[in-house]
Amino acid sequence: MEHLLEVKDLAISFHTREGEVQAIRGVNFYVNKGETLAIVGESGSGKSVTSQAIMQLIPRPQGEYKRGEIWFDGQELTRKTEKQMQRIRGKEIGMIFQDPMTSLNPTMKVGKQITEVLHTHEHMSKEAAYQRAVELLGLVGIKSPERRFHQYPHEFSGGMRQRVVIAIALAANPKLLIADEPTTALDVTIQAQILELMKELQQKIGTAIIFITHDLGVVAKMADRVAVMYAGQIVETGTAEEIFYDPRHPYTWGLLASMPNLDGHGGGKLAAIPGTPPDLIRPPQGDAFALRSSYAMKIDFEQEPPLYRVSDTHAVKSWLLHPQAPRVSPPEAVSRKRRQLPGTYEVPVLAEA
């Protein structure tokens, strides 16, 4: 199958007064047409930098593409000029940012912000753009879209503002939608509604989605495949079923174990991953997760592990997959938590917040 998006050996650094921050260190992944790939990991793992790299939004000269390729629909994006990328952003690749209030222009009516995309990329007339914008507002679950078209962002709730951002991102029917923690700032009820909305819209228009999050409950609800990211690298990737029911990397175990208990067991305590992420100005010599892992072996501190194939769709960057490594099982907390995941979100009926 030809991939819609393929990222090959991507490496990105940021030059600071303290030194060179190696934010992305050899990332590889792909997205097929119509599917949802979730990229999950702690803050600082490189998720958002990866999404900005796809959109060619890395600030230069502070940010530097060290190596790698980003192929989208047969085009290599890192070679595109800014003018060429402007024709791709919004039209072929849409993006939803995590804070809708800062994503929207507070001085412009929301309808104007939608029609701006339609005028730029679809070259619609004023009347046609108005009709399409009203249609989009209705499509994302906003009641009275004709009236709402003429209102400013501050007149909307947080959930409604995020729906407007989704409408803007989908206005030109992009082939790929990048959602960078789009529900982080929302309460859990509105969050569930937004997730259900995105799934419904994806089924209607067939857009592929990259969903960036730190919440594995959201991943269970949204993803076809999952890439687990740590210290600027993807350490495990597989289908959602493989990641939740057969996780192999200690970091993935830690993420699963750190989710709250929903069954009332566990003594009320939340499991936590010990320590802090490594300093990417001076990345560790071996496995970046070794200092925080109770399963680390001597080789983890000396050599970076290769990528081991568990199946055609499941790969893990850990020495624990080496044939000579000791056999270990995930903690009991992981088995208990992953049984809860498919039912984590009860989605309310879509309603105006």
Protein backbone atom coordinates (compact mmCIF):
# COMPACT_ATOMS: atom_id res chain seq x y z
CA MET A 1 0.00 0.00 0.00
CA GLU A 2 1.27 3.46 -0.90
CA HIS A 3 1.37 5.64 2.19
CA LEU A 4 -0.26 9.07 2.24
CA LEU A 5 2.50 10.35 4.55
CA GLU A 6 5.88 8.78 5.24
CA VAL A 7 8.52 10.25 7.55
CA LYS A 8 11.99 8.78 7.05
CA ASP A 9 14.88 9.12 9.53
CA LEU A 10 13.83 12.64 10.54
CA ALA A 11 16.24 14.52 12.81
CA ILE A 12 15.65 18.09 14.03
CA SER A 13 17.73 20.21 16.40
CA PHE A 14 17.25 23.59 18.04
CA HIS A 15 20.24 25.85 18.67
CA THR A 16 20.12 27.52 22.09
CA ARG A 17 22.56 29.38 24.34
CA GLU A 18 23.06 26.18 26.33
CA GLY A 19 23.79 24.09 23.25
CA GLU A 20 22.14 22.06 20.52
CA VAL A 21 18.89 20.41 21.61
CA GLN A 22 18.41 17.22 19.60
CA ALA A 23 14.62 17.33 19.73
CA ILE A 24 13.94 14.67 17.06
CA ARG A 25 16.48 11.86 16.66
CA GLY A 26 15.78 9.59 13.71
CA VAL A 27 11.99 9.29 13.59
CA ASN A 28 10.28 6.93 11.13
CA PHE A 29 6.53 6.42 10.68
CA TYR A 30 3.79 6.42 8.06
CA VAL A 31 0.10 7.20 7.74
CA ASN A 32 -2.24 5.53 5.27
CA LYS A 33 -5.24 7.15 3.64
CA GLY A 34 -8.28 7.33 5.89
CA GLU A 35 -6.61 5.96 9.03
CA THR A 36 -5.82 7.49 12.40
CA LEU A 37 -2.28 7.33 13.79
CA ALA A 38 -1.89 8.39 17.41
CA ILE A 39 1.50 9.69 18.56
CA VAL A 40 1.66 9.40 22.33
CA GLY A 41 4.24 10.33 24.95
CA GLU A 42 5.11 12.67 27.80
CA SER A 43 5.54 16.41 27.36
CA GLY A 44 8.91 17.07 25.76
CA SER A 45 9.06 13.75 23.93
CA GLY A 46 8.97 15.45 20.51
CA LYS A 47 5.34 14.96 19.47
CA SER A 48 4.53 18.58 18.65
CA VAL A 49 7.91 19.22 17.01
CA THR A 50 7.19 16.28 14.71
CA SER A 51 3.83 17.76 13.70
CA GLN A 52 5.37 21.20 13.13
CA ALA A 53 8.07 19.60 10.99
CA ILE A 54 5.45 18.04 8.73
CA MET A 55 3.84 21.45 8.27
CA GLN A 56 7.30 23.05 7.81
CA LEU A 57 6.66 25.35 10.77
CA ILE A 58 10.02 24.84 12.51
CA PRO A 59 11.43 28.34 13.12
CA ARG A 60 14.72 28.96 11.35
CA PRO A 61 17.61 29.48 11.87
CA GLN A 62 17.03 28.39 15.49
CA GLY A 63 15.54 25.12 14.27
CA GLU A 64 17.49 22.94 11.86
CA TYR A 65 16.47 19.93 9.79
CA LYS A 66 19.56 17.76 10.29
CA ARG A 67 18.52 14.88 8.04
CA GLY A 68 15.55 12.88 6.83
CA GLU A 69 12.66 13.12 4.40
CA ILE A 70 8.94 13.85 4.73
CA TRP A 71 6.93 12.42 1.84
CA PHE A 72 3.31 13.51 1.49
CA ASP A 73 1.17 12.28 -1.40
CA GLY A 74 4.25 11.87 -3.60
CA GLN A 75 5.84 15.22 -2.63
CA GLU A 76 8.96 15.68 -0.49
CA LEU A 77 8.01 18.50 1.90
CA THR A 78 11.45 19.43 3.25
CA ARG A 79 12.43 20.64 -0.23
CA LYS A 80 9.39 22.90 -0.62
CA THR A 81 9.69 26.68 -0.55
CA GLU A 82 7.54 28.69 1.85
CA LYS A 83 5.30 29.76 -1.03
CA GLN A 84 4.78 26.15 -2.07
CA MET A 85 4.00 25.13 1.53
CA GLN A 86 1.38 27.86 1.79
CA ARG A 87 -0.54 26.10 -0.96
CA ILE A 88 -0.32 22.81 0.95
CA ARG A 89 -1.14 24.07 4.45
CA GLY A 90 -4.87 24.29 4.94
CA LYS A 91 -5.69 22.78 1.55
CA GLU A 92 -3.99 19.38 1.63
CA ILE A 93 -2.91 19.24 5.29
CA GLY A 94 -5.08 20.78 8.00
CA MET A 95 -4.03 21.32 11.60
CA ILE A 96 -5.89 21.64 14.89
CA PHE A 97 -3.92 23.20 17.73
CA GLN A 98 -4.50 22.45 21.40
CA ASP A 99 -5.66 25.90 22.53
CA PRO A 100 -8.62 27.14 20.45
CA MET A 101 -8.52 30.64 21.96
CA THR A 102 -5.02 31.31 20.69
CA SER A 103 -5.74 29.54 17.39
CA LEU A 104 -8.54 31.97 16.52
CA ASN A 105 -8.14 35.68 15.79
CA PRO A 106 -10.10 37.46 18.56
CA THR A 107 -10.67 40.52 16.35
CA MET A 108 -12.35 38.60 13.49
CA LYS A 109 -15.78 37.01 13.39
CA VAL A 110 -15.59 33.23 13.21
CA GLY A 111 -17.36 33.13 9.86
CA LYS A 112 -14.75 35.39 8.34
CA GLN A 113 -12.00 33.09 9.59
CA ILE A 114 -13.61 30.11 7.84
CA THR A 115 -14.34 31.93 4.58
CA GLU A 116 -10.74 33.16 4.49
CA VAL A 117 -9.61 29.55 3.96
CA LEU A 118 -12.24 29.02 1.27
CA HIS A 119 -11.28 32.20 -0.60
CA THR A 120 -7.55 31.35 -0.43
CA HIS A 121 -7.64 27.66 -1.34
CA GLU A 122 -10.96 27.07 -3.10
CA HIS A 123 -11.30 30.51 -4.79
CA MET A 124 -14.99 30.63 -3.90
CA SER A 125 -17.24 33.62 -4.40
CA LYS A 126 -18.38 35.54 -1.33
CA GLU A 127 -21.84 33.94 -1.37
CA ALA A 128 -20.56 30.41 -1.99
CA ALA A 129 -17.99 30.77 0.81
CA TYR A 130 -20.71 31.99 3.18
CA GLN A 131 -22.94 29.02 2.40
CA ARG A 132 -20.05 26.59 2.81
CA ALA A 133 -18.97 28.18 6.12
CA VAL A 134 -22.51 27.91 7.51
CA GLU A 135 -22.62 24.30 6.35
CA LEU A 136 -19.31 23.58 8.12
CA LEU A 137 -20.49 25.17 11.37
CA GLY A 138 -23.55 22.94 11.28
CA LEU A 139 -21.43 19.94 10.39
CA VAL A 140 -19.30 20.34 13.53
CA GLY A 141 -22.39 20.51 15.74
CA ILE A 142 -22.86 24.24 16.25
CA LYS A 143 -26.52 25.22 16.51
CA SER A 144 -27.90 28.30 14.72
CA PRO A 145 -24.86 28.46 12.38
CA GLU A 146 -26.21 31.49 10.46
CA ARG A 147 -26.25 33.51 13.69
CA ARG A 148 -22.98 32.09 14.97
CA PHE A 149 -21.27 32.97 11.68
CA HIS A 150 -21.41 36.65 12.69
CA GLN A 151 -20.08 36.23 16.25
CA TYR A 152 -16.58 36.65 17.69
CA PRO A 153 -14.56 33.87 19.39
CA HIS A 154 -15.14 35.29 22.89
CA GLU A 155 -18.87 34.68 22.41
CA PHE A 156 -18.25 30.93 22.18
CA SER A 157 -17.50 28.41 24.92
CA GLY A 158 -14.23 26.48 24.88
CA GLY A 159 -15.87 23.45 23.28
CA MET A 160 -17.56 25.59 20.62
CA ARG A 161 -14.30 27.39 19.83
CA GLN A 162 -12.59 24.05 19.28
CA ARG A 163 -15.38 23.06 16.92
CA VAL A 164 -14.79 26.25 14.97
CA VAL A 165 -11.08 25.38 14.75
CA ILE A 166 -12.04 21.94 13.42
CA ALA A 167 -14.35 23.57 10.86
CA ILE A 168 -11.48 25.80 9.68
CA ALA A 169 -9.11 22.83 9.47
CA LEU A 170 -11.63 20.83 7.41
CA ALA A 171 -12.83 23.70 5.21
CA ALA A 172 -10.77 22.72 2.16
CA ASN A 173 -11.29 18.94 2.64
CA PRO A 174 -7.63 18.16 3.44
CA LYS A 175 -6.23 14.70 2.82
CA LEU A 176 -4.47 14.76 6.21
CA LEU A 177 -5.53 16.36 9.48
CA ILE A 178 -2.98 16.86 12.28
CA ALA A 179 -4.63 17.24 15.69
CA ASP A 180 -2.10 18.41 18.29
CA GLU A 181 -3.70 17.66 21.67
CA PRO A 182 -6.98 19.24 20.53
CA THR A 183 -8.93 18.32 23.69
CA THR A 184 -6.37 19.13 26.40
CA ALA A 185 -7.98 22.41 27.47
CA LEU A 186 -11.55 21.01 27.50
CA ASP A 187 -13.53 19.36 30.26
CA VAL A 188 -14.09 15.63 29.95
CA THR A 189 -17.67 15.85 28.63
CA ILE A 190 -16.79 18.29 25.84
CA GLN A 191 -13.62 16.30 25.19
CA ALA A 192 -15.64 13.16 24.52
CA GLN A 193 -17.97 15.07 22.20
CA ILE A 194 -15.06 16.49 20.19
CA LEU A 195 -13.51 13.03 19.82
CA GLU A 196 -16.77 11.56 18.60
CA LEU A 197 -17.20 14.49 16.22
CA MET A 198 -13.76 13.93 14.70
CA LYS A 199 -14.50 10.23 14.17
CA GLU A 200 -17.82 11.02 12.49
CA LEU A 201 -16.24 13.62 10.21
CA GLN A 202 -13.43 11.25 9.30
CA GLN A 203 -15.95 8.61 8.26
CA LYS A 204 -17.82 11.15 6.13
CA ILE A 205 -14.89 12.71 4.25
CA GLY A 206 -12.17 10.03 4.56
CA THR A 207 -9.46 12.29 5.97
CA ALA A 208 -6.40 10.64 7.54
CA ILE A 209 -5.63 11.88 11.06
CA ILE A 210 -2.45 12.19 13.10
CA PHE A 211 -3.68 12.51 16.68
CA ILE A 212 -1.05 13.79 19.10
CA THR A 213 -1.77 13.23 22.77
CA HIS A 214 -0.41 12.11 26.14
CA ASP A 215 -3.74 10.49 27.07
CA LEU A 216 -3.95 6.76 26.35
CA GLY A 217 -7.68 6.82 26.98
CA VAL A 218 -8.06 9.15 24.01
CA VAL A 219 -5.80 6.85 21.98
CA ALA A 220 -8.03 3.86 22.75
CA LYS A 221 -11.01 5.81 21.48
CA MET A 222 -9.45 7.23 18.32
CA ALA A 223 -6.50 5.29 16.94
CA ASP A 224 -6.05 2.57 14.34
CA ARG A 225 -2.29 2.54 14.97
CA VAL A 226 -0.11 4.00 17.72
CA ALA A 227 3.45 5.36 17.85
CA VAL A 228 4.90 5.72 21.35
CA MET A 229 7.48 8.52 21.48
CA TYR A 230 10.21 9.13 24.04
CA ALA A 231 13.21 11.49 24.02
CA GLY A 232 12.82 12.38 20.36
CA GLN A 233 12.49 8.77 19.15
CA ILE A 234 9.66 6.36 18.46
CA VAL A 235 10.27 3.47 20.85
CA GLU A 236 7.24 1.32 20.01
CA THR A 237 4.73 1.28 17.18
CA GLY A 238 1.86 -1.02 16.33
CA THR A 239 -1.86 -1.32 15.92
CA ALA A 240 -3.96 -0.03 18.82
CA GLU A 241 -4.72 -3.63 19.78
CA GLU A 242 -1.02 -4.54 19.83
CA ILE A 243 -0.04 -1.54 21.93
CA PHE A 244 -2.78 -2.06 24.50
CA TYR A 245 -2.85 -5.86 24.68
CA ASP A 246 0.73 -6.81 23.85
CA PRO A 247 2.95 -3.84 24.81
CA ARG A 248 6.65 -4.68 24.85
CA HIS A 249 8.56 -1.50 25.78
CA PRO A 250 8.99 -0.58 29.49
CA TYR A 251 8.04 3.01 28.69
CA THR A 252 4.74 1.86 27.16
CA TRP A 253 4.17 -0.22 30.30
CA GLY A 254 4.79 2.88 32.39
CA LEU A 255 2.29 4.95 30.41
CA LEU A 256 -0.37 2.27 30.72
CA ALA A 257 0.26 1.73 34.42
CA SER A 258 0.08 5.46 35.18
CA MET A 259 -3.53 5.76 34.06
CA PRO A 260 -6.11 6.20 36.85
CA ASN A 261 -7.94 3.07 38.01
CA LEU A 262 -11.55 2.95 36.89
CA ASP A 263 -12.47 -0.26 38.71
CA GLY A 264 -11.94 0.96 42.25
CA HIS A 265 -8.85 -1.19 42.85
CA GLY A 266 -5.28 -0.16 43.45
CA GLY A 267 -5.62 1.56 46.82
CA GLY A 268 -6.26 4.97 45.30
CA LYS A 269 -2.62 5.44 44.34
CA LEU A 270 -1.50 6.46 40.89
CA ALA A 271 1.54 4.69 39.49
CA ALA A 272 4.22 7.04 38.21
CA ILE A 273 7.22 6.70 35.95
CA PRO A 274 10.22 7.55 38.16
CA GLY A 275 12.76 10.20 37.24
CA THR A 276 12.61 12.79 34.48
CA PRO A 277 13.17 12.73 30.70
CA PRO A 278 16.83 12.99 29.62
CA ASP A 279 18.60 16.19 28.65
CA LEU A 280 18.56 16.22 24.86
CA ILE A 281 21.47 18.64 24.72
CA ARG A 282 23.47 15.63 25.92
CA PRO A 283 21.41 12.57 24.95
CA PRO A 284 22.29 9.35 26.78
CA GLN A 285 24.68 6.96 25.06
CA GLY A 286 22.44 3.89 25.16
CA ASP A 287 18.70 3.49 25.66
CA ALA A 288 17.27 6.90 26.56
CA PHE A 289 14.79 5.29 28.97
CA ALA A 290 17.36 3.18 30.83
CA LEU A 291 17.80 5.51 33.82
CA ARG A 292 14.05 5.41 34.51
CA SER A 293 13.51 1.70 33.86
CA SER A 294 13.64 -1.07 36.45
CA TYR A 295 14.22 -3.50 33.58
CA ALA A 296 17.41 -1.87 32.30
CA MET A 297 20.40 -4.09 31.62
CA LYS A 298 24.08 -3.20 31.35
CA ILE A 299 23.88 -2.92 27.57
CA ASP A 300 21.09 -0.33 27.88
CA PHE A 301 23.65 2.14 29.25
CA GLU A 302 26.23 1.36 26.55
CA GLN A 303 24.49 0.91 23.19
CA GLU A 304 21.32 2.26 21.64
CA PRO A 305 18.94 -0.62 20.94
CA PRO A 306 17.91 -1.48 17.38
CA LEU A 307 14.29 -1.74 16.24
CA TYR A 308 13.00 -5.29 16.72
CA ARG A 309 10.04 -6.56 14.69
CA VAL A 310 7.38 -8.35 16.74
CA SER A 311 5.03 -8.61 13.74
CA ASP A 312 4.52 -6.93 10.38
CA THR A 313 2.81 -4.03 12.18
CA HIS A 314 4.48 -4.11 15.62
CA ALA A 315 8.06 -2.89 16.26
CA VAL A 316 9.91 -2.13 19.50
CA LYS A 317 13.17 -0.30 20.21
CA SER A 318 14.36 -2.22 23.27
CA TRP A 319 17.12 -4.68 24.14
CA LEU A 320 14.48 -6.74 25.97
CA LEU A 321 13.49 -8.10 22.56
CA HIS A 322 16.99 -9.50 21.95
CA PRO A 323 16.99 -13.33 21.89
CA GLN A 324 19.56 -13.43 24.72
CA ALA A 325 17.69 -10.97 26.97
CA PRO A 326 15.98 -12.29 30.10
CA ARG A 327 12.27 -12.96 29.73
CA VAL A 328 10.22 -10.35 31.58
CA SER A 329 6.50 -9.66 31.78
CA PRO A 330 4.75 -6.30 32.11
CA PRO A 331 3.66 -5.28 35.62
CA GLU A 332 0.28 -6.53 36.85
CA ALA A 333 -0.93 -2.92 36.84
CA VAL A 334 -0.54 -2.87 33.05
CA SER A 335 -2.77 -5.90 32.57
CA ARG A 336 -5.38 -4.40 34.86
CA LYS A 337 -5.35 -0.97 33.21
CA ARG A 338 -5.38 -2.14 29.61
CA ARG A 339 -8.55 -4.16 30.25
CA GLN A 340 -10.30 -0.87 31.03
CA LEU A 341 -9.16 1.11 28.00
CA PRO A 342 -11.73 0.25 25.30
CA GLY A 343 -14.55 1.50 27.55
CA THR A 344 -12.77 4.54 28.97
CA TYR A 345 -14.97 7.13 27.25
CA GLU A 346 -18.73 7.18 27.42
CA VAL A 347 -19.60 9.68 24.69
CA PRO A 348 -22.54 11.99 25.42
CA VAL A 349 -24.97 13.01 22.71
CA LEU A 350 -23.57 15.96 20.75
CA ALA A 351 -25.01 19.16 22.13
CA GLU A 352 -24.05 22.78 22.15
CA ALA A 353 -21.89 23.54 25.20
